[in-house]
Amino acid sequence: MSERFNIKDLIIVGIFSVMLTVVIFIFGMLGFIPGIMVALPIIIALVCGIPYMLFITRVSKFGMVTLMGLILGIVMFLSGHTWVPLIIFTSSALIADCILKMGNYSSIKHVIVSYGFFILGIMGNMLPFFILRDYYIKSMAASMGSEYVDFVLPFLKPEFCIVLIVLTFVFGLLSAYIGKLVLKKHFEKAGIA
């Protein structure tokens, strides 16, 4: 088997990148609700597990997951986020790719853990809120109103960021496991045990 991407590999990456982008943006719109905004990475981790697991049944080459992470990062950047998602999504996807390679693309444990790391890329959208807190508070107040800011403000602390990262990873593992159960026939057909 060649390690180079062929047209089919690129089409698969493209299709699943679009699918994940649509899911992320649909659920990302719930961020207009302040209580949901602070939990968006966890929600995204839950809803993207099944599409990611379906994607993995078609992955056989190192770099396919990294390329998808890069595409998602670029989309986030072009949609108005900072450059941070570009770096975080690509890095998380590269780690996921390495984990898949260690499991020779056939270990379900490696697949599940790879998703836990891959979905941490969504934290790239949230990190600027913690790093540039004052800037985003002013920006939120101008666009969303003071009630929204009053609700969100207590959550924009470094310790909550750490909790959010851990919960996103844990719920990512849970979502991948659910994806494995839902897509059991696909995994058997792909030879992933």
C-alpha atoms as a PDB file:
ATOM      1  CA  MET A   1       0.000   0.000   0.000  1.00  0.00           C
ATOM      2  CA  SER A   2       1.364   3.377  -1.006  1.00  0.00           C
ATOM      3  CA  GLU A   3       1.904   5.982   1.706  1.00  0.00           C
ATOM      4  CA  ARG A   4       1.154   8.804  -0.725  1.00  0.00           C
ATOM      5  CA  PHE A   5      -2.299  10.308  -0.871  1.00  0.00           C
ATOM      6  CA  ASN A   6      -4.315   9.546  -3.951  1.00  0.00           C
ATOM      7  CA  ILE A   7      -7.380  11.354  -5.277  1.00  0.00           C
ATOM      8  CA  LYS A   8      -9.720   9.051  -3.342  1.00  0.00           C
ATOM      9  CA  ASP A   9      -7.947   9.883  -0.055  1.00  0.00           C
ATOM     10  CA  LEU A  10      -8.215  13.613  -0.722  1.00  0.00           C
ATOM     11  CA  ILE A  11     -11.900  13.302  -1.625  1.00  0.00           C
ATOM     12  CA  ILE A  12     -12.560  11.392   1.619  1.00  0.00           C
ATOM     13  CA  VAL A  13     -10.724  14.051   3.646  1.00  0.00           C
ATOM     14  CA  GLY A  14     -12.644  16.786   1.835  1.00  0.00           C
ATOM     15  CA  ILE A  15     -16.056  15.182   2.353  1.00  0.00           C
ATOM     16  CA  PHE A  16     -15.503  14.558   6.055  1.00  0.00           C
ATOM     17  CA  SER A  17     -13.978  18.009   6.556  1.00  0.00           C
ATOM     18  CA  VAL A  18     -17.146  19.534   5.118  1.00  0.00           C
ATOM     19  CA  MET A  19     -19.308  17.239   7.237  1.00  0.00           C
ATOM     20  CA  LEU A  20     -17.499  18.167  10.461  1.00  0.00           C
ATOM     21  CA  THR A  21     -17.483  21.862   9.522  1.00  0.00           C
ATOM     22  CA  VAL A  22     -21.258  21.825   9.047  1.00  0.00           C
ATOM     23  CA  VAL A  23     -21.827  20.005  12.354  1.00  0.00           C
ATOM     24  CA  ILE A  24     -19.473  22.364  14.211  1.00  0.00           C
ATOM     25  CA  PHE A  25     -21.113  25.470  12.751  1.00  0.00           C
ATOM     26  CA  ILE A  26     -24.675  24.248  13.364  1.00  0.00           C
ATOM     27  CA  PHE A  27     -23.974  23.509  17.014  1.00  0.00           C
ATOM     28  CA  GLY A  28     -21.666  26.519  17.292  1.00  0.00           C
ATOM     29  CA  MET A  29     -24.652  28.761  16.616  1.00  0.00           C
ATOM     30  CA  LEU A  30     -25.987  27.655  19.990  1.00  0.00           C
ATOM     31  CA  GLY A  31     -23.226  29.841  21.440  1.00  0.00           C
ATOM     32  CA  PHE A  32     -25.680  32.721  21.339  1.00  0.00           C
ATOM     33  CA  ILE A  33     -27.145  31.143  24.470  1.00  0.00           C
ATOM     34  CA  PRO A  34     -24.690  32.054  27.268  1.00  0.00           C
ATOM     35  CA  GLY A  35     -25.001  28.790  29.213  1.00  0.00           C
ATOM     36  CA  ILE A  36     -24.323  26.781  26.094  1.00  0.00           C
ATOM     37  CA  MET A  37     -21.459  29.019  24.934  1.00  0.00           C
ATOM     38  CA  VAL A  38     -19.263  27.978  27.843  1.00  0.00           C
ATOM     39  CA  ALA A  39     -19.991  24.289  27.166  1.00  0.00           C
ATOM     40  CA  LEU A  40     -19.606  24.386  23.361  1.00  0.00           C
ATOM     41  CA  PRO A  41     -16.374  22.351  23.210  1.00  0.00           C
ATOM     42  CA  ILE A  42     -18.043  19.554  25.181  1.00  0.00           C
ATOM     43  CA  ILE A  43     -21.136  19.640  22.959  1.00  0.00           C
ATOM     44  CA  ILE A  44     -18.991  19.643  19.810  1.00  0.00           C
ATOM     45  CA  ALA A  45     -16.980  16.709  21.205  1.00  0.00           C
ATOM     46  CA  LEU A  46     -20.208  14.765  21.658  1.00  0.00           C
ATOM     47  CA  VAL A  47     -21.755  15.454  18.253  1.00  0.00           C
ATOM     48  CA  CYS A  48     -18.639  15.019  16.107  1.00  0.00           C
ATOM     49  CA  GLY A  49     -17.721  11.573  17.429  1.00  0.00           C
ATOM     50  CA  ILE A  50     -19.816   9.526  15.017  1.00  0.00           C
ATOM     51  CA  PRO A  51     -18.701  11.397  11.845  1.00  0.00           C
ATOM     52  CA  TYR A  52     -15.063  11.127  12.976  1.00  0.00           C
ATOM     53  CA  MET A  53     -15.428   7.409  13.649  1.00  0.00           C
ATOM     54  CA  LEU A  54     -16.991   6.911  10.218  1.00  0.00           C
ATOM     55  CA  PHE A  55     -14.071   8.842   8.711  1.00  0.00           C
ATOM     56  CA  ILE A  56     -11.585   6.579  10.503  1.00  0.00           C
ATOM     57  CA  THR A  57     -13.074   3.488   8.823  1.00  0.00           C
ATOM     58  CA  ARG A  58     -11.757   5.001   5.584  1.00  0.00           C
ATOM     59  CA  VAL A  59      -8.358   6.171   6.862  1.00  0.00           C
ATOM     60  CA  SER A  60      -5.335   4.062   6.066  1.00  0.00           C
ATOM     61  CA  LYS A  61      -2.561   6.613   5.593  1.00  0.00           C
ATOM     62  CA  PHE A  62      -0.677   8.836   7.957  1.00  0.00           C
ATOM     63  CA  GLY A  63      -1.558  12.465   7.428  1.00  0.00           C
ATOM     64  CA  MET A  64      -5.227  12.129   6.505  1.00  0.00           C
ATOM     65  CA  VAL A  65      -6.384  13.157   9.997  1.00  0.00           C
ATOM     66  CA  THR A  66      -3.780  15.938  10.147  1.00  0.00           C
ATOM     67  CA  LEU A  67      -4.962  17.271   6.788  1.00  0.00           C
ATOM     68  CA  MET A  68      -8.552  17.290   8.035  1.00  0.00           C
ATOM     69  CA  GLY A  69      -7.473  19.157  11.179  1.00  0.00           C
ATOM     70  CA  LEU A  70      -5.607  21.692   9.040  1.00  0.00           C
ATOM     71  CA  ILE A  71      -8.680  22.226   6.863  1.00  0.00           C
ATOM     72  CA  LEU A  72     -10.903  22.708   9.924  1.00  0.00           C
ATOM     73  CA  GLY A  73      -8.385  25.176  11.361  1.00  0.00           C
ATOM     74  CA  ILE A  74      -8.319  27.136   8.108  1.00  0.00           C
ATOM     75  CA  VAL A  75     -12.125  27.212   7.990  1.00  0.00           C
ATOM     76  CA  MET A  76     -12.265  28.499  11.579  1.00  0.00           C
ATOM     77  CA  PHE A  77      -9.693  31.178  10.771  1.00  0.00           C
ATOM     78  CA  LEU A  78     -11.496  32.257   7.597  1.00  0.00           C
ATOM     79  CA  SER A  79     -14.827  32.384   9.429  1.00  0.00           C
ATOM     80  CA  GLY A  80     -13.603  35.088  11.782  1.00  0.00           C
ATOM     81  CA  HIS A  81     -11.808  33.268  14.553  1.00  0.00           C
ATOM     82  CA  THR A  82      -8.212  34.112  15.411  1.00  0.00           C
ATOM     83  CA  TRP A  83      -5.232  32.148  14.070  1.00  0.00           C
ATOM     84  CA  VAL A  84      -5.233  30.025  17.267  1.00  0.00           C
ATOM     85  CA  PRO A  85      -7.680  27.351  15.954  1.00  0.00           C
ATOM     86  CA  LEU A  86      -5.431  26.859  12.935  1.00  0.00           C
ATOM     87  CA  ILE A  87      -2.488  25.921  15.185  1.00  0.00           C
ATOM     88  CA  ILE A  88      -4.474  23.985  17.796  1.00  0.00           C
ATOM     89  CA  PHE A  89      -6.610  21.980  15.342  1.00  0.00           C
ATOM     90  CA  THR A  90      -3.599  21.024  13.230  1.00  0.00           C
ATOM     91  CA  SER A  91      -1.524  20.064  16.303  1.00  0.00           C
ATOM     92  CA  SER A  92      -4.346  18.039  17.839  1.00  0.00           C
ATOM     93  CA  ALA A  93      -4.961  16.267  14.549  1.00  0.00           C
ATOM     94  CA  LEU A  94      -1.251  15.462  14.197  1.00  0.00           C
ATOM     95  CA  ILE A  95      -1.272  13.883  17.667  1.00  0.00           C
ATOM     96  CA  ALA A  96      -4.395  11.904  16.682  1.00  0.00           C
ATOM     97  CA  ASP A  97      -2.648  10.770  13.493  1.00  0.00           C
ATOM     98  CA  CYS A  98       0.369   9.576  15.484  1.00  0.00           C
ATOM     99  CA  ILE A  99      -1.873   7.637  17.881  1.00  0.00           C
ATOM    100  CA  LEU A 100      -3.647   5.966  14.957  1.00  0.00           C
ATOM    101  CA  LYS A 101      -0.296   5.046  13.409  1.00  0.00           C
ATOM    102  CA  MET A 102       0.872   3.534  16.732  1.00  0.00           C
ATOM    103  CA  GLY A 103      -2.241   1.329  16.637  1.00  0.00           C
ATOM    104  CA  ASN A 104      -1.551   0.496  12.978  1.00  0.00           C
ATOM    105  CA  TYR A 105      -4.997   1.909  12.107  1.00  0.00           C
ATOM    106  CA  SER A 106      -6.563  -1.289  13.455  1.00  0.00           C
ATOM    107  CA  SER A 107      -6.749  -0.813  17.232  1.00  0.00           C
ATOM    108  CA  ILE A 108     -10.116   0.441  18.456  1.00  0.00           C
ATOM    109  CA  LYS A 109      -8.482   1.741  21.653  1.00  0.00           C
ATOM    110  CA  HIS A 110      -6.099   3.862  19.601  1.00  0.00           C
ATOM    111  CA  VAL A 111      -8.989   5.069  17.435  1.00  0.00           C
ATOM    112  CA  ILE A 112     -11.004   6.187  20.473  1.00  0.00           C
ATOM    113  CA  VAL A 113      -8.032   7.941  22.091  1.00  0.00           C
ATOM    114  CA  SER A 114      -7.164   9.572  18.761  1.00  0.00           C
ATOM    115  CA  TYR A 115     -10.586  11.216  18.702  1.00  0.00           C
ATOM    116  CA  GLY A 116     -10.122  12.484  22.264  1.00  0.00           C
ATOM    117  CA  PHE A 117      -7.007  14.335  21.101  1.00  0.00           C
ATOM    118  CA  PHE A 118      -8.403  15.343  17.702  1.00  0.00           C
ATOM    119  CA  ILE A 119     -11.447  17.072  19.181  1.00  0.00           C
ATOM    120  CA  LEU A 120      -9.279  19.103  21.548  1.00  0.00           C
ATOM    121  CA  GLY A 121      -8.671  21.175  18.421  1.00  0.00           C
ATOM    122  CA  ILE A 122     -12.017  22.844  19.074  1.00  0.00           C
ATOM    123  CA  MET A 123     -10.426  24.462  22.119  1.00  0.00           C
ATOM    124  CA  GLY A 124      -8.575  26.687  19.659  1.00  0.00           C
ATOM    125  CA  ASN A 125     -11.839  28.600  19.313  1.00  0.00           C
ATOM    126  CA  MET A 126     -12.124  29.049  23.082  1.00  0.00           C
ATOM    127  CA  LEU A 127      -8.521  29.756  24.147  1.00  0.00           C
ATOM    128  CA  PRO A 128      -8.567  33.391  22.951  1.00  0.00           C
ATOM    129  CA  PHE A 129     -11.425  34.039  25.405  1.00  0.00           C
ATOM    130  CA  PHE A 130      -9.101  33.033  28.231  1.00  0.00           C
ATOM    131  CA  ILE A 131      -5.871  34.504  26.863  1.00  0.00           C
ATOM    132  CA  LEU A 132      -7.293  37.849  25.693  1.00  0.00           C
ATOM    133  CA  ARG A 133     -10.043  37.978  28.292  1.00  0.00           C
ATOM    134  CA  ASP A 134     -10.459  41.788  28.524  1.00  0.00           C
ATOM    135  CA  TYR A 135     -10.605  42.238  24.752  1.00  0.00           C
ATOM    136  CA  TYR A 136     -13.274  39.562  24.343  1.00  0.00           C
ATOM    137  CA  ILE A 137     -15.323  40.850  27.260  1.00  0.00           C
ATOM    138  CA  LYS A 138     -15.563  44.258  25.547  1.00  0.00           C
ATOM    139  CA  SER A 139     -16.312  42.624  22.220  1.00  0.00           C
ATOM    140  CA  MET A 140     -19.016  40.402  23.736  1.00  0.00           C
ATOM    141  CA  ALA A 141     -20.586  43.318  25.574  1.00  0.00           C
ATOM    142  CA  ALA A 142     -20.822  45.273  22.324  1.00  0.00           C
ATOM    143  CA  SER A 143     -22.330  42.431  20.298  1.00  0.00           C
ATOM    144  CA  MET A 144     -24.223  40.285  22.826  1.00  0.00           C
ATOM    145  CA  GLY A 145     -25.121  42.681  25.628  1.00  0.00           C
ATOM    146  CA  SER A 146     -24.196  43.028  29.267  1.00  0.00           C
ATOM    147  CA  GLU A 147     -26.453  40.188  30.511  1.00  0.00           C
ATOM    148  CA  TYR A 148     -24.604  37.739  28.274  1.00  0.00           C
ATOM    149  CA  VAL A 149     -21.235  38.994  29.578  1.00  0.00           C
ATOM    150  CA  ASP A 150     -22.426  38.848  33.198  1.00  0.00           C
ATOM    151  CA  PHE A 151     -23.301  35.183  32.745  1.00  0.00           C
ATOM    152  CA  VAL A 152     -20.142  34.179  30.862  1.00  0.00           C
ATOM    153  CA  LEU A 153     -17.617  36.250  32.829  1.00  0.00           C
ATOM    154  CA  PRO A 154     -17.247  33.914  35.855  1.00  0.00           C
ATOM    155  CA  PHE A 155     -16.317  31.074  33.473  1.00  0.00           C
ATOM    156  CA  LEU A 156     -13.490  32.953  31.735  1.00  0.00           C
ATOM    157  CA  LYS A 157     -10.885  31.949  34.305  1.00  0.00           C
ATOM    158  CA  PRO A 158      -7.777  29.793  33.769  1.00  0.00           C
ATOM    159  CA  GLU A 159      -9.004  27.048  36.095  1.00  0.00           C
ATOM    160  CA  PHE A 160     -12.237  26.735  34.090  1.00  0.00           C
ATOM    161  CA  CYS A 161     -10.167  26.482  30.903  1.00  0.00           C
ATOM    162  CA  ILE A 162      -8.343  23.469  32.345  1.00  0.00           C
ATOM    163  CA  VAL A 163     -11.658  21.881  33.392  1.00  0.00           C
ATOM    164  CA  LEU A 164     -13.050  22.522  29.908  1.00  0.00           C
ATOM    165  CA  ILE A 165     -10.037  20.877  28.250  1.00  0.00           C
ATOM    166  CA  VAL A 166     -10.337  17.797  30.479  1.00  0.00           C
ATOM    167  CA  LEU A 167     -14.109  17.516  29.980  1.00  0.00           C
ATOM    168  CA  THR A 168     -13.783  17.954  26.214  1.00  0.00           C
ATOM    169  CA  PHE A 169     -11.252  15.105  26.117  1.00  0.00           C
ATOM    170  CA  VAL A 170     -13.367  12.831  28.354  1.00  0.00           C
ATOM    171  CA  PHE A 171     -16.580  13.511  26.437  1.00  0.00           C
ATOM    172  CA  GLY A 172     -14.611  12.976  23.231  1.00  0.00           C
ATOM    173  CA  LEU A 173     -13.658   9.490  24.440  1.00  0.00           C
ATOM    174  CA  LEU A 174     -17.282   8.811  25.355  1.00  0.00           C
ATOM    175  CA  SER A 175     -18.531  10.051  21.983  1.00  0.00           C
ATOM    176  CA  ALA A 176     -15.977   7.927  20.116  1.00  0.00           C
ATOM    177  CA  TYR A 177     -17.051   4.872  22.103  1.00  0.00           C
ATOM    178  CA  ILE A 178     -20.700   5.576  21.225  1.00  0.00           C
ATOM    179  CA  GLY A 179     -19.611   6.031  17.606  1.00  0.00           C
ATOM    180  CA  LYS A 180     -17.912   2.651  17.739  1.00  0.00           C
ATOM    181  CA  LEU A 181     -21.126   1.020  18.952  1.00  0.00           C
ATOM    182  CA  VAL A 182     -23.263   2.777  16.341  1.00  0.00           C
ATOM    183  CA  LEU A 183     -20.857   1.971  13.501  1.00  0.00           C
ATOM    184  CA  LYS A 184     -19.901  -1.559  14.590  1.00  0.00           C
ATOM    185  CA  LYS A 185     -20.543  -3.056  11.123  1.00  0.00           C
ATOM    186  CA  HIS A 186     -18.368  -0.379   9.463  1.00  0.00           C
ATOM    187  CA  PHE A 187     -15.512  -1.145  11.846  1.00  0.00           C
ATOM    188  CA  GLU A 188     -15.764  -4.872  11.231  1.00  0.00           C
ATOM    189  CA  LYS A 189     -15.754  -4.306   7.472  1.00  0.00           C
ATOM    190  CA  ALA A 190     -12.696  -1.995   7.780  1.00  0.00           C
ATOM    191  CA  GLY A 191     -10.880  -4.595   9.923  1.00  0.00           C
ATOM    192  CA  ILE A 192     -10.677  -2.405  13.018  1.00  0.00           C
ATOM    193  CA  ALA A 193     -11.028  -4.510  16.153  1.00  0.00           C
END
